[in-house]
């Protein structure tokens, strides 16, 4: 009986440890971050001397995102999406280049990034809500016109997913979009492969939009 209790205790301890590792990895991957100094917000249009105005973006689940509209001269608009946990200022370089080329441009930060409301990161599930909200806000500002989406990494994956269900999007360009978020999780370092397998086992599909 004593041996059986020891085995049970060891089994319970191992299970608890495994669950703790998975929980820790989950929080590191998806948990909301606390941002500190204003400097962590990154570049702003003011820093670059770019003509702009704030873009009022609110998602369908009630979050406000930091976003800017960079006015152009052409009858065409482009929304630029960051990679995982990307800030609004991270894509101002390409955004201003597109503006100089004449395009109306929308740039924004994902939920849970500086300037946007604090929230969990989901590798695409809720970020699709973010991009849809930016599409609505930008087209409400500029009026009906051809719209393209440009996305990097996770932003590329989200752009493809949103464009599939959004007839107002006429073009999509992506750089390094991933096809399976579980593979991304598996590249995250020690323990992440186990976490990715656990996500597969429980049937999670973080990159899908619904």
N, C-alpha and C. Protein backbone atom coordinates (compact mmCIF):
# COMPACT_ATOMS: atom_id res chain seq x y z
N UNK A 1 0.82 -1.21 0.00
CA UNK A 1 0.00 0.00 0.00
C UNK A 1 0.86 1.26 0.00
N UNK A 2 1.95 1.21 0.83
CA UNK A 2 2.83 2.38 0.89
C UNK A 2 3.46 2.64 -0.47
N UNK A 3 3.89 1.56 -1.16
CA UNK A 3 4.50 1.71 -2.49
C UNK A 3 3.48 2.29 -3.46
N UNK A 4 2.23 1.83 -3.37
CA UNK A 4 1.19 2.34 -4.26
C UNK A 4 0.93 3.82 -4.03
N UNK A 5 0.95 4.26 -2.76
CA UNK A 5 0.74 5.68 -2.47
C UNK A 5 1.89 6.52 -3.01
N UNK A 6 3.11 5.97 -2.93
CA UNK A 6 4.25 6.71 -3.46
C UNK A 6 4.15 6.88 -4.97
N UNK A 7 3.76 5.80 -5.65
CA UNK A 7 3.59 5.88 -7.10
C UNK A 7 2.52 6.90 -7.46
N UNK A 8 1.41 6.88 -6.71
CA UNK A 8 0.32 7.82 -6.97
C UNK A 8 0.79 9.25 -6.74
N UNK A 9 1.56 9.45 -5.67
CA UNK A 9 2.05 10.80 -5.38
C UNK A 9 3.01 11.28 -6.46
N UNK A 10 3.90 10.38 -6.90
CA UNK A 10 4.84 10.75 -7.96
C UNK A 10 4.10 11.06 -9.26
N UNK A 11 3.10 10.26 -9.57
CA UNK A 11 2.31 10.48 -10.79
C UNK A 11 1.59 11.83 -10.73
N UNK A 12 0.98 12.11 -9.55
CA UNK A 12 0.27 13.38 -9.39
C UNK A 12 1.23 14.55 -9.48
N UNK A 13 2.43 14.39 -8.89
CA UNK A 13 3.42 15.46 -8.95
C UNK A 13 3.90 15.72 -10.37
N UNK A 14 4.12 14.63 -11.12
CA UNK A 14 4.56 14.79 -12.51
C UNK A 14 3.47 15.46 -13.35
N UNK A 15 2.22 15.06 -13.12
CA UNK A 15 1.11 15.67 -13.87
C UNK A 15 0.97 17.14 -13.53
N UNK A 16 1.12 17.47 -12.24
CA UNK A 16 1.03 18.87 -11.83
C UNK A 16 2.17 19.69 -12.42
N UNK A 17 3.37 19.09 -12.44
CA UNK A 17 4.50 19.80 -13.03
C UNK A 17 4.32 20.04 -14.51
N UNK A 18 3.84 19.02 -15.22
CA UNK A 18 3.59 19.16 -16.67
C UNK A 18 2.54 20.22 -16.93
N UNK A 19 1.46 20.21 -16.11
CA UNK A 19 0.41 21.22 -16.27
C UNK A 19 0.96 22.62 -15.99
N UNK A 20 1.85 22.71 -15.00
CA UNK A 20 2.43 24.00 -14.68
C UNK A 20 3.30 24.54 -15.81
N UNK A 21 4.09 23.65 -16.42
CA UNK A 21 4.93 24.06 -17.55
C UNK A 21 4.06 24.55 -18.71
N UNK A 22 3.01 23.79 -19.01
CA UNK A 22 2.11 24.19 -20.10
C UNK A 22 1.44 25.52 -19.81
N UNK A 23 1.01 25.70 -18.54
CA UNK A 23 0.36 26.96 -18.17
C UNK A 23 1.32 28.13 -18.29
N UNK A 24 2.57 27.91 -17.86
CA UNK A 24 3.58 28.97 -17.96
C UNK A 24 3.86 29.34 -19.41
N UNK A 25 4.00 28.33 -20.26
CA UNK A 25 4.25 28.58 -21.68
C UNK A 25 3.05 29.27 -22.33
N UNK A 26 1.84 28.85 -21.94
CA UNK A 26 0.64 29.48 -22.48
C UNK A 26 0.62 30.96 -22.13
N UNK A 27 0.92 31.28 -20.87
CA UNK A 27 0.89 32.67 -20.44
C UNK A 27 1.95 33.50 -21.15
N UNK A 28 3.13 32.91 -21.32
CA UNK A 28 4.20 33.62 -22.02
C UNK A 28 3.82 33.89 -23.47
N UNK A 29 3.13 32.93 -24.09
CA UNK A 29 2.77 33.08 -25.50
C UNK A 29 1.59 34.00 -25.71
N UNK A 30 0.57 33.91 -24.83
CA UNK A 30 -0.69 34.58 -25.10
C UNK A 30 -1.11 35.60 -24.05
N UNK A 31 -0.49 35.60 -22.89
CA UNK A 31 -0.92 36.49 -21.82
C UNK A 31 -0.69 37.95 -22.15
N UNK A 32 -1.56 38.85 -21.64
CA UNK A 32 -1.37 40.28 -21.89
C UNK A 32 -0.11 40.78 -21.19
N UNK A 33 0.55 41.74 -21.79
CA UNK A 33 1.76 42.31 -21.22
C UNK A 33 1.46 43.64 -20.54
N UNK A 34 2.24 43.96 -19.55
CA UNK A 34 2.16 45.29 -18.94
C UNK A 34 3.27 46.14 -19.54
N UNK A 35 2.87 47.21 -20.21
CA UNK A 35 3.85 48.08 -20.83
C UNK A 35 4.20 49.20 -19.87
N UNK A 36 5.45 49.58 -19.87
CA UNK A 36 5.93 50.57 -18.92
C UNK A 36 6.04 51.96 -19.50
N UNK A 37 7.27 52.39 -19.76
CA UNK A 37 7.51 53.78 -20.16
C UNK A 37 6.88 54.09 -21.51
N UNK A 38 6.63 55.37 -21.72
CA UNK A 38 6.06 55.83 -22.98
C UNK A 38 6.95 55.45 -24.15
N UNK A 39 8.27 55.34 -23.91
CA UNK A 39 9.20 54.99 -24.98
C UNK A 39 8.90 53.62 -25.57
N UNK A 40 8.27 52.75 -24.78
CA UNK A 40 7.97 51.41 -25.27
C UNK A 40 6.87 51.42 -26.33
N UNK A 41 6.22 52.56 -26.51
CA UNK A 41 5.19 52.64 -27.53
C UNK A 41 5.79 52.72 -28.92
N UNK A 42 7.08 52.98 -29.02
CA UNK A 42 7.73 53.00 -30.33
C UNK A 42 7.49 54.30 -31.09
N UNK A 43 7.74 54.25 -32.40
CA UNK A 43 7.62 55.43 -33.24
C UNK A 43 6.17 55.87 -33.36
N UNK A 44 6.00 57.18 -33.54
CA UNK A 44 4.69 57.75 -33.83
C UNK A 44 4.80 58.56 -35.11
N UNK A 45 3.68 58.88 -35.77
CA UNK A 45 3.76 59.72 -36.97
C UNK A 45 4.37 61.08 -36.68
N UNK A 46 4.16 61.59 -35.46
CA UNK A 46 4.77 62.88 -35.12
C UNK A 46 6.29 62.81 -35.17
N UNK A 47 6.84 61.68 -34.72
CA UNK A 47 8.30 61.51 -34.74
C UNK A 47 8.84 61.61 -36.16
N UNK A 48 8.05 61.15 -37.13
CA UNK A 48 8.51 61.09 -38.52
C UNK A 48 8.03 62.28 -39.34
N UNK A 49 7.28 63.17 -38.72
CA UNK A 49 6.77 64.33 -39.45
C UNK A 49 5.79 63.95 -40.54
N UNK A 50 4.98 62.92 -40.29
CA UNK A 50 4.08 62.39 -41.31
C UNK A 50 2.68 62.99 -41.13
N UNK A 51 2.06 63.39 -42.24
CA UNK A 51 0.67 63.84 -42.19
C UNK A 51 -0.20 62.67 -41.78
N UNK A 52 -1.02 62.87 -40.76
CA UNK A 52 -1.80 61.75 -40.23
C UNK A 52 -2.95 62.28 -39.40
N UNK A 53 -3.80 61.37 -39.00
CA UNK A 53 -4.83 61.65 -38.01
C UNK A 53 -5.15 60.36 -37.27
N UNK A 54 -5.60 60.45 -36.04
CA UNK A 54 -5.97 59.22 -35.33
C UNK A 54 -7.14 58.54 -36.03
N UNK A 55 -7.13 57.22 -35.99
CA UNK A 55 -8.21 56.45 -36.57
C UNK A 55 -8.95 55.77 -35.41
N UNK A 56 -10.24 56.04 -35.32
CA UNK A 56 -11.04 55.50 -34.21
C UNK A 56 -11.42 54.06 -34.53
N UNK A 57 -10.76 53.11 -33.85
CA UNK A 57 -10.98 51.69 -34.10
C UNK A 57 -11.46 51.01 -32.83
N UNK A 58 -12.62 50.37 -32.92
CA UNK A 58 -13.16 49.60 -31.80
C UNK A 58 -13.61 48.25 -32.33
N UNK A 59 -13.15 47.19 -31.70
CA UNK A 59 -13.45 45.83 -32.16
C UNK A 59 -14.86 45.42 -31.73
N UNK A 60 -15.35 44.33 -32.33
CA UNK A 60 -16.70 43.90 -32.00
C UNK A 60 -16.80 43.27 -30.62
N UNK A 61 -15.66 43.03 -29.96
CA UNK A 61 -15.71 42.58 -28.57
C UNK A 61 -15.32 43.69 -27.60
N UNK A 62 -15.39 44.94 -28.08
CA UNK A 62 -15.32 46.09 -27.19
C UNK A 62 -13.96 46.66 -26.88
N UNK A 63 -12.92 46.32 -27.63
CA UNK A 63 -11.58 46.85 -27.37
C UNK A 63 -11.26 48.01 -28.31
N UNK A 64 -10.52 48.97 -27.78
CA UNK A 64 -10.05 50.09 -28.59
C UNK A 64 -8.60 49.85 -28.98
N UNK A 65 -8.29 50.05 -30.26
CA UNK A 65 -6.93 49.84 -30.77
C UNK A 65 -6.29 51.16 -31.13
N UNK A 66 -4.98 51.24 -30.93
CA UNK A 66 -4.26 52.41 -31.43
C UNK A 66 -4.10 52.28 -32.94
N UNK A 67 -4.49 53.30 -33.65
CA UNK A 67 -4.42 53.26 -35.12
C UNK A 67 -4.29 54.68 -35.66
N UNK A 68 -3.62 54.77 -36.80
CA UNK A 68 -3.47 56.06 -37.47
C UNK A 68 -3.85 55.92 -38.94
N UNK A 69 -4.41 57.00 -39.45
CA UNK A 69 -4.72 57.10 -40.87
C UNK A 69 -3.73 58.06 -41.50
N UNK A 70 -3.04 57.59 -42.53
CA UNK A 70 -2.09 58.42 -43.28
C UNK A 70 -2.73 58.74 -44.63
N UNK A 71 -3.20 59.96 -44.84
CA UNK A 71 -3.95 60.28 -46.06
C UNK A 71 -3.08 60.26 -47.31
N UNK A 72 -3.67 59.79 -48.39
CA UNK A 72 -2.97 59.72 -49.66
C UNK A 72 -3.69 60.51 -50.74
N UNK A 73 -3.26 60.32 -51.97
CA UNK A 73 -3.83 61.05 -53.10
C UNK A 73 -4.49 60.12 -54.12
N UNK A 74 -4.19 58.84 -54.08
CA UNK A 74 -4.77 57.89 -55.03
C UNK A 74 -6.15 57.43 -54.57
N UNK A 75 -6.86 56.83 -55.49
CA UNK A 75 -8.14 56.22 -55.15
C UNK A 75 -7.91 54.76 -54.76
N UNK A 76 -7.12 54.57 -53.72
CA UNK A 76 -6.78 53.22 -53.25
C UNK A 76 -6.23 53.32 -51.83
N UNK A 77 -6.52 52.29 -51.02
CA UNK A 77 -6.08 52.28 -49.63
C UNK A 77 -5.43 50.94 -49.29
N UNK A 78 -4.51 51.00 -48.32
CA UNK A 78 -3.80 49.80 -47.87
C UNK A 78 -3.76 49.81 -46.34
N UNK A 79 -4.04 48.66 -45.75
CA UNK A 79 -3.89 48.49 -44.30
C UNK A 79 -2.69 47.59 -44.06
N UNK A 80 -1.79 48.03 -43.20
CA UNK A 80 -0.57 47.29 -42.90
C UNK A 80 -0.71 46.63 -41.53
N UNK A 81 -0.46 45.32 -41.47
CA UNK A 81 -0.59 44.56 -40.23
C UNK A 81 0.77 44.04 -39.77
N UNK A 82 1.04 44.22 -38.48
CA UNK A 82 2.27 43.76 -37.85
C UNK A 82 2.33 42.26 -37.69
N UNK A 83 3.49 41.83 -37.22
CA UNK A 83 3.63 40.47 -36.74
C UNK A 83 3.14 40.34 -35.31
N UNK A 84 3.40 39.21 -34.71
CA UNK A 84 2.93 38.88 -33.36
C UNK A 84 3.33 39.95 -32.35
N UNK A 85 2.35 40.47 -31.61
CA UNK A 85 2.51 41.50 -30.60
C UNK A 85 3.12 42.78 -31.17
N UNK A 86 2.87 43.04 -32.44
CA UNK A 86 3.43 44.24 -33.07
C UNK A 86 2.73 45.51 -32.63
N UNK A 87 3.52 46.57 -32.45
CA UNK A 87 2.99 47.87 -32.07
C UNK A 87 2.62 48.67 -33.30
N UNK A 88 1.79 49.67 -33.11
CA UNK A 88 1.34 50.49 -34.24
C UNK A 88 2.51 51.15 -34.95
N UNK A 89 3.50 51.59 -34.18
CA UNK A 89 4.63 52.29 -34.78
C UNK A 89 5.60 51.41 -35.52
N UNK A 90 5.48 50.09 -35.36
CA UNK A 90 6.45 49.18 -35.97
C UNK A 90 6.37 49.15 -37.50
N UNK A 91 5.22 49.52 -38.06
CA UNK A 91 5.07 49.46 -39.51
C UNK A 91 4.94 50.85 -40.12
N UNK A 92 5.34 51.87 -39.37
CA UNK A 92 5.28 53.23 -39.92
C UNK A 92 6.26 53.44 -41.06
N UNK A 93 7.36 52.69 -41.07
CA UNK A 93 8.31 52.83 -42.16
C UNK A 93 7.69 52.49 -43.50
N UNK A 94 7.13 51.29 -43.61
CA UNK A 94 6.47 50.90 -44.85
C UNK A 94 5.20 51.72 -45.06
N UNK A 95 4.54 52.08 -43.96
CA UNK A 95 3.32 52.88 -44.09
C UNK A 95 3.57 54.23 -44.72
N UNK A 96 4.63 54.91 -44.28
CA UNK A 96 4.93 56.22 -44.85
C UNK A 96 5.42 56.11 -46.29
N UNK A 97 6.13 55.01 -46.60
CA UNK A 97 6.56 54.80 -47.99
C UNK A 97 5.35 54.62 -48.90
N UNK A 98 4.36 53.88 -48.44
CA UNK A 98 3.14 53.71 -49.22
C UNK A 98 2.38 55.03 -49.35
N UNK A 99 2.40 55.82 -48.28
CA UNK A 99 1.75 57.12 -48.35
C UNK A 99 2.43 58.02 -49.37
N UNK A 100 3.76 58.01 -49.40
CA UNK A 100 4.48 58.82 -50.39
C UNK A 100 4.17 58.37 -51.81
N UNK A 101 3.83 57.07 -51.96
CA UNK A 101 3.46 56.56 -53.28
C UNK A 101 2.02 56.93 -53.65
N UNK A 102 1.32 57.58 -52.73
CA UNK A 102 -0.01 58.09 -53.03
C UNK A 102 -1.16 57.33 -52.38
N UNK A 103 -0.88 56.22 -51.70
CA UNK A 103 -1.95 55.42 -51.12
C UNK A 103 -2.45 56.02 -49.80
N UNK A 104 -3.74 55.85 -49.55
CA UNK A 104 -4.27 56.05 -48.21
C UNK A 104 -3.85 54.84 -47.39
N UNK A 105 -3.36 55.07 -46.17
CA UNK A 105 -2.77 53.97 -45.39
C UNK A 105 -3.36 53.93 -43.99
N UNK A 106 -3.66 52.73 -43.52
CA UNK A 106 -4.03 52.51 -42.14
C UNK A 106 -2.99 51.65 -41.45
N UNK A 107 -2.47 52.11 -40.32
CA UNK A 107 -1.54 51.32 -39.51
C UNK A 107 -2.12 51.22 -38.10
N UNK A 108 -1.87 50.10 -37.44
CA UNK A 108 -2.48 49.89 -36.13
C UNK A 108 -1.66 48.91 -35.31
N UNK A 109 -1.96 48.86 -34.03
CA UNK A 109 -1.35 47.89 -33.14
C UNK A 109 -2.37 46.87 -32.70
N UNK A 110 -1.94 45.63 -32.54
CA UNK A 110 -2.85 44.58 -32.08
C UNK A 110 -3.32 44.84 -30.67
N UNK A 111 -4.41 44.21 -30.29
CA UNK A 111 -4.87 44.23 -28.91
C UNK A 111 -3.74 43.80 -27.99
N UNK A 112 -3.66 44.42 -26.83
CA UNK A 112 -2.63 44.05 -25.87
C UNK A 112 -1.27 44.67 -26.13
N UNK A 113 -1.16 45.57 -27.13
CA UNK A 113 0.11 46.25 -27.40
C UNK A 113 -0.02 47.71 -26.97
N UNK A 114 1.09 48.43 -26.81
CA UNK A 114 1.05 49.80 -26.31
C UNK A 114 0.09 50.69 -27.09
N UNK A 115 -0.77 51.37 -26.36
CA UNK A 115 -1.74 52.27 -26.97
C UNK A 115 -3.08 51.62 -27.22
N UNK A 116 -3.11 50.30 -27.31
CA UNK A 116 -4.36 49.54 -27.47
C UNK A 116 -4.77 48.97 -26.11
N UNK A 117 -6.03 48.59 -26.01
CA UNK A 117 -6.51 48.02 -24.75
C UNK A 117 -5.79 46.72 -24.43
N UNK A 118 -5.60 46.49 -23.14
CA UNK A 118 -4.90 45.30 -22.67
C UNK A 118 -5.77 44.06 -22.92
N UNK A 119 -5.17 43.02 -23.48
CA UNK A 119 -5.91 41.80 -23.79
C UNK A 119 -4.92 40.67 -24.07
N UNK A 120 -5.43 39.45 -24.06
CA UNK A 120 -4.61 38.29 -24.39
C UNK A 120 -4.28 38.29 -25.89
N UNK A 121 -3.14 37.70 -26.22
CA UNK A 121 -2.75 37.50 -27.61
C UNK A 121 -3.13 36.07 -28.00
N UNK A 122 -3.59 35.90 -29.24
CA UNK A 122 -4.15 34.59 -29.61
C UNK A 122 -3.62 34.05 -30.93
N UNK A 123 -2.54 34.58 -31.45
CA UNK A 123 -1.94 34.09 -32.69
C UNK A 123 -2.94 34.05 -33.85
N UNK A 124 -3.91 34.95 -33.82
CA UNK A 124 -4.78 35.09 -34.98
C UNK A 124 -6.27 35.06 -34.71
N UNK A 125 -6.71 34.35 -33.67
CA UNK A 125 -8.16 34.21 -33.46
C UNK A 125 -8.80 35.57 -33.22
N UNK A 126 -8.41 36.25 -32.15
CA UNK A 126 -8.99 37.56 -31.87
C UNK A 126 -8.35 38.67 -32.70
N UNK A 127 -7.15 38.44 -33.20
CA UNK A 127 -6.52 39.45 -34.04
C UNK A 127 -7.29 39.64 -35.35
N UNK A 128 -8.02 38.61 -35.78
CA UNK A 128 -8.90 38.80 -36.94
C UNK A 128 -9.97 39.84 -36.64
N UNK A 129 -10.46 39.87 -35.42
CA UNK A 129 -11.40 40.90 -35.01
C UNK A 129 -10.76 42.29 -35.14
N UNK A 130 -9.49 42.36 -34.76
CA UNK A 130 -8.78 43.64 -34.82
C UNK A 130 -8.71 44.15 -36.26
N UNK A 131 -8.29 43.29 -37.17
CA UNK A 131 -8.13 43.72 -38.55
C UNK A 131 -9.49 44.06 -39.17
N UNK A 132 -10.50 43.29 -38.88
CA UNK A 132 -11.84 43.61 -39.40
C UNK A 132 -12.27 45.00 -38.93
N UNK A 133 -11.99 45.31 -37.67
CA UNK A 133 -12.36 46.62 -37.13
C UNK A 133 -11.61 47.74 -37.83
N UNK A 134 -10.34 47.50 -38.17
CA UNK A 134 -9.56 48.52 -38.87
C UNK A 134 -10.10 48.71 -40.29
N UNK A 135 -10.48 47.62 -40.95
CA UNK A 135 -11.09 47.72 -42.28
C UNK A 135 -12.33 48.61 -42.22
N UNK A 136 -13.19 48.37 -41.24
CA UNK A 136 -14.41 49.15 -41.11
C UNK A 136 -14.09 50.62 -40.86
N UNK A 137 -13.14 50.88 -39.96
CA UNK A 137 -12.81 52.25 -39.59
C UNK A 137 -12.18 53.01 -40.75
N UNK A 138 -11.28 52.37 -41.46
CA UNK A 138 -10.59 53.06 -42.55
C UNK A 138 -11.55 53.37 -43.70
N UNK A 139 -12.38 52.39 -44.07
CA UNK A 139 -13.31 52.63 -45.17
C UNK A 139 -14.39 53.64 -44.78
N UNK A 140 -14.73 53.68 -43.50
CA UNK A 140 -15.67 54.71 -43.05
C UNK A 140 -15.04 56.09 -43.18
N UNK A 141 -13.74 56.16 -43.04
CA UNK A 141 -13.04 57.46 -43.14
C UNK A 141 -12.82 57.89 -44.58
N UNK A 142 -12.40 56.98 -45.44
CA UNK A 142 -12.02 57.36 -46.80
C UNK A 142 -13.15 57.15 -47.81
N UNK A 143 -14.16 56.38 -47.43
CA UNK A 143 -15.23 56.08 -48.36
C UNK A 143 -14.89 54.87 -49.22
N UNK A 144 -15.84 54.43 -50.05
CA UNK A 144 -15.61 53.24 -50.88
C UNK A 144 -14.45 53.46 -51.85
N UNK A 145 -13.49 52.57 -51.81
CA UNK A 145 -12.37 52.61 -52.74
C UNK A 145 -11.66 51.27 -52.70
N UNK A 146 -10.87 50.93 -53.71
CA UNK A 146 -10.12 49.67 -53.68
C UNK A 146 -9.26 49.57 -52.43
N UNK A 147 -9.29 48.40 -51.81
CA UNK A 147 -8.58 48.20 -50.55
C UNK A 147 -7.67 46.98 -50.64
N UNK A 148 -6.44 47.13 -50.20
CA UNK A 148 -5.50 46.03 -50.13
C UNK A 148 -5.00 45.84 -48.71
N UNK A 149 -4.58 44.61 -48.40
CA UNK A 149 -4.02 44.28 -47.09
C UNK A 149 -2.57 43.84 -47.26
N UNK A 150 -1.70 44.41 -46.45
CA UNK A 150 -0.29 44.03 -46.41
C UNK A 150 0.02 43.55 -45.01
N UNK A 151 0.51 42.30 -44.89
CA UNK A 151 0.75 41.76 -43.57
C UNK A 151 2.07 41.03 -43.46
N UNK A 152 2.67 41.14 -42.27
CA UNK A 152 3.94 40.49 -41.98
C UNK A 152 3.72 39.40 -40.92
N UNK A 153 4.25 38.20 -41.18
CA UNK A 153 4.19 37.09 -40.23
C UNK A 153 2.74 36.84 -39.81
N UNK A 154 2.43 36.96 -38.51
CA UNK A 154 1.05 36.74 -38.09
C UNK A 154 0.10 37.69 -38.80
N UNK A 155 0.55 38.92 -39.06
CA UNK A 155 -0.29 39.86 -39.77
C UNK A 155 -0.63 39.39 -41.17
N UNK A 156 0.28 38.65 -41.79
CA UNK A 156 0.00 38.08 -43.10
C UNK A 156 -1.05 36.99 -43.01
N UNK A 157 -0.92 36.12 -42.00
CA UNK A 157 -1.90 35.06 -41.80
C UNK A 157 -3.28 35.63 -41.55
N UNK A 158 -3.36 36.65 -40.69
CA UNK A 158 -4.64 37.28 -40.38
C UNK A 158 -5.20 37.98 -41.62
N UNK A 159 -4.34 38.61 -42.41
CA UNK A 159 -4.80 39.30 -43.62
C UNK A 159 -5.45 38.32 -44.60
N UNK A 160 -4.82 37.16 -44.77
CA UNK A 160 -5.38 36.14 -45.67
C UNK A 160 -6.75 35.68 -45.15
N UNK A 161 -6.82 35.41 -43.84
CA UNK A 161 -8.07 34.90 -43.27
C UNK A 161 -9.19 35.93 -43.37
N UNK A 162 -8.88 37.19 -43.10
CA UNK A 162 -9.91 38.24 -43.16
C UNK A 162 -10.35 38.48 -44.60
N UNK A 163 -9.39 38.51 -45.52
CA UNK A 163 -9.71 38.78 -46.92
C UNK A 163 -10.62 37.70 -47.50
N UNK A 164 -10.49 36.47 -47.00
CA UNK A 164 -11.30 35.36 -47.52
C UNK A 164 -12.79 35.60 -47.32
N UNK A 165 -13.14 36.37 -46.29
CA UNK A 165 -14.55 36.63 -45.98
C UNK A 165 -14.95 38.09 -46.17
N UNK A 166 -14.06 38.89 -46.72
CA UNK A 166 -14.32 40.32 -46.85
C UNK A 166 -14.27 40.74 -48.32
N UNK A 167 -15.43 40.88 -48.98
CA UNK A 167 -15.44 41.17 -50.42
C UNK A 167 -14.88 42.54 -50.77
N UNK A 168 -14.76 43.42 -49.79
CA UNK A 168 -14.23 44.76 -50.09
C UNK A 168 -12.71 44.76 -50.21
N UNK A 169 -12.06 43.67 -49.83
CA UNK A 169 -10.61 43.56 -49.98
C UNK A 169 -10.30 43.02 -51.37
N UNK A 170 -9.56 43.79 -52.15
CA UNK A 170 -9.28 43.39 -53.52
C UNK A 170 -7.91 42.79 -53.74
N UNK A 171 -7.01 42.93 -52.75
CA UNK A 171 -5.64 42.41 -52.92
C UNK A 171 -5.03 42.14 -51.56
N UNK A 172 -4.18 41.12 -51.51
CA UNK A 172 -3.47 40.77 -50.28
C UNK A 172 -2.01 40.52 -50.62
N UNK A 173 -1.11 41.09 -49.83
CA UNK A 173 0.32 40.83 -49.97
C UNK A 173 0.85 40.46 -48.59
N UNK A 174 1.55 39.33 -48.49
CA UNK A 174 2.05 38.89 -47.19
C UNK A 174 3.54 38.57 -47.26
N UNK A 175 4.18 38.70 -46.12
CA UNK A 175 5.59 38.37 -45.98
C UNK A 175 5.72 37.46 -44.76
N UNK A 176 6.14 36.22 -44.98
CA UNK A 176 6.42 35.26 -43.91
C UNK A 176 5.17 34.85 -43.13
N UNK A 177 4.03 34.83 -43.78
CA UNK A 177 2.82 34.33 -43.11
C UNK A 177 2.99 32.84 -42.81
N UNK A 178 2.51 32.40 -41.65
CA UNK A 178 2.60 30.97 -41.30
C UNK A 178 1.28 30.29 -41.64
N UNK A 179 1.37 29.00 -41.96
CA UNK A 179 0.18 28.24 -42.31
C UNK A 179 -0.40 27.48 -41.13
N UNK A 180 0.43 27.21 -40.11
CA UNK A 180 -0.03 26.45 -38.96
C UNK A 180 0.59 27.04 -37.69
N UNK A 181 -0.20 27.64 -36.81
CA UNK A 181 0.35 28.27 -35.60
C UNK A 181 1.01 27.27 -34.67
N UNK A 182 0.64 26.01 -34.74
CA UNK A 182 1.28 25.01 -33.88
C UNK A 182 2.76 24.88 -34.20
N UNK A 183 3.11 25.05 -35.49
CA UNK A 183 4.52 24.99 -35.85
C UNK A 183 5.28 26.18 -35.27
N UNK A 184 4.62 27.33 -35.21
CA UNK A 184 5.25 28.52 -34.61
C UNK A 184 5.49 28.28 -33.13
N UNK A 185 4.49 27.73 -32.45
CA UNK A 185 4.65 27.44 -31.03
C UNK A 185 5.77 26.44 -30.79
N UNK A 186 5.92 25.48 -31.69
CA UNK A 186 6.94 24.45 -31.53
C UNK A 186 8.35 24.96 -31.70
N UNK A 187 8.51 26.17 -32.27
CA UNK A 187 9.84 26.75 -32.47
C UNK A 187 10.22 27.70 -31.35
N UNK A 188 9.44 27.73 -30.29
CA UNK A 188 9.63 28.75 -29.26
C UNK A 188 10.64 28.44 -28.19
N UNK A 189 11.36 27.33 -28.28
CA UNK A 189 12.37 27.05 -27.28
C UNK A 189 12.02 25.84 -26.43
N UNK A 190 12.81 25.58 -25.36
CA UNK A 190 12.60 24.40 -24.52
C UNK A 190 11.18 24.35 -23.97
N UNK A 191 10.54 23.20 -24.12
CA UNK A 191 9.20 23.03 -23.59
C UNK A 191 8.10 23.42 -24.56
N UNK A 192 8.43 24.24 -25.55
CA UNK A 192 7.39 24.72 -26.44
C UNK A 192 6.84 23.63 -27.35
N UNK A 193 7.68 22.65 -27.70
CA UNK A 193 7.20 21.54 -28.52
C UNK A 193 6.13 20.75 -27.78
N UNK A 194 6.37 20.52 -26.49
CA UNK A 194 5.37 19.83 -25.67
C UNK A 194 4.08 20.64 -25.63
N UNK A 195 4.22 21.96 -25.46
CA UNK A 195 3.04 22.82 -25.42
C UNK A 195 2.29 22.77 -26.75
N UNK A 196 3.02 22.80 -27.86
CA UNK A 196 2.37 22.74 -29.17
C UNK A 196 1.61 21.42 -29.34
N UNK A 197 2.22 20.32 -28.87
CA UNK A 197 1.54 19.03 -28.95
C UNK A 197 0.27 19.02 -28.11
N UNK A 198 0.35 19.65 -26.94
CA UNK A 198 -0.82 19.74 -26.08
C UNK A 198 -1.93 20.54 -26.77
N UNK A 199 -1.55 21.64 -27.44
CA UNK A 199 -2.53 22.44 -28.16
C UNK A 199 -3.18 21.62 -29.26
N UNK A 200 -2.38 20.83 -29.97
CA UNK A 200 -2.95 19.96 -31.02
C UNK A 200 -3.90 18.94 -30.39
N UNK A 201 -3.46 18.34 -29.26
CA UNK A 201 -4.25 17.29 -28.62
C UNK A 201 -5.62 17.81 -28.19
N UNK A 202 -5.66 19.06 -27.67
CA UNK A 202 -6.93 19.59 -27.20
C UNK A 202 -7.75 20.22 -28.32
N UNK A 203 -7.19 20.18 -29.56
CA UNK A 203 -7.96 20.63 -30.70
C UNK A 203 -7.97 22.12 -30.93
N UNK A 204 -7.01 22.84 -30.33
CA UNK A 204 -6.96 24.29 -30.50
C UNK A 204 -6.47 24.64 -31.90
N UNK A 205 -7.05 25.69 -32.48
CA UNK A 205 -6.62 26.17 -33.78
C UNK A 205 -6.49 27.69 -33.72
N UNK A 206 -5.38 28.21 -33.14
CA UNK A 206 -5.27 29.63 -32.88
C UNK A 206 -5.32 30.51 -34.12
N UNK A 207 -5.00 30.01 -35.29
CA UNK A 207 -4.94 30.90 -36.45
C UNK A 207 -6.29 31.04 -37.16
N UNK A 208 -7.29 30.26 -36.76
CA UNK A 208 -8.57 30.36 -37.43
C UNK A 208 -9.32 31.59 -36.94
N UNK A 209 -10.13 32.17 -37.80
CA UNK A 209 -10.96 33.30 -37.41
C UNK A 209 -12.41 32.83 -37.40
N UNK A 210 -13.12 33.11 -36.32
CA UNK A 210 -14.54 32.79 -36.30
C UNK A 210 -15.25 33.77 -35.39
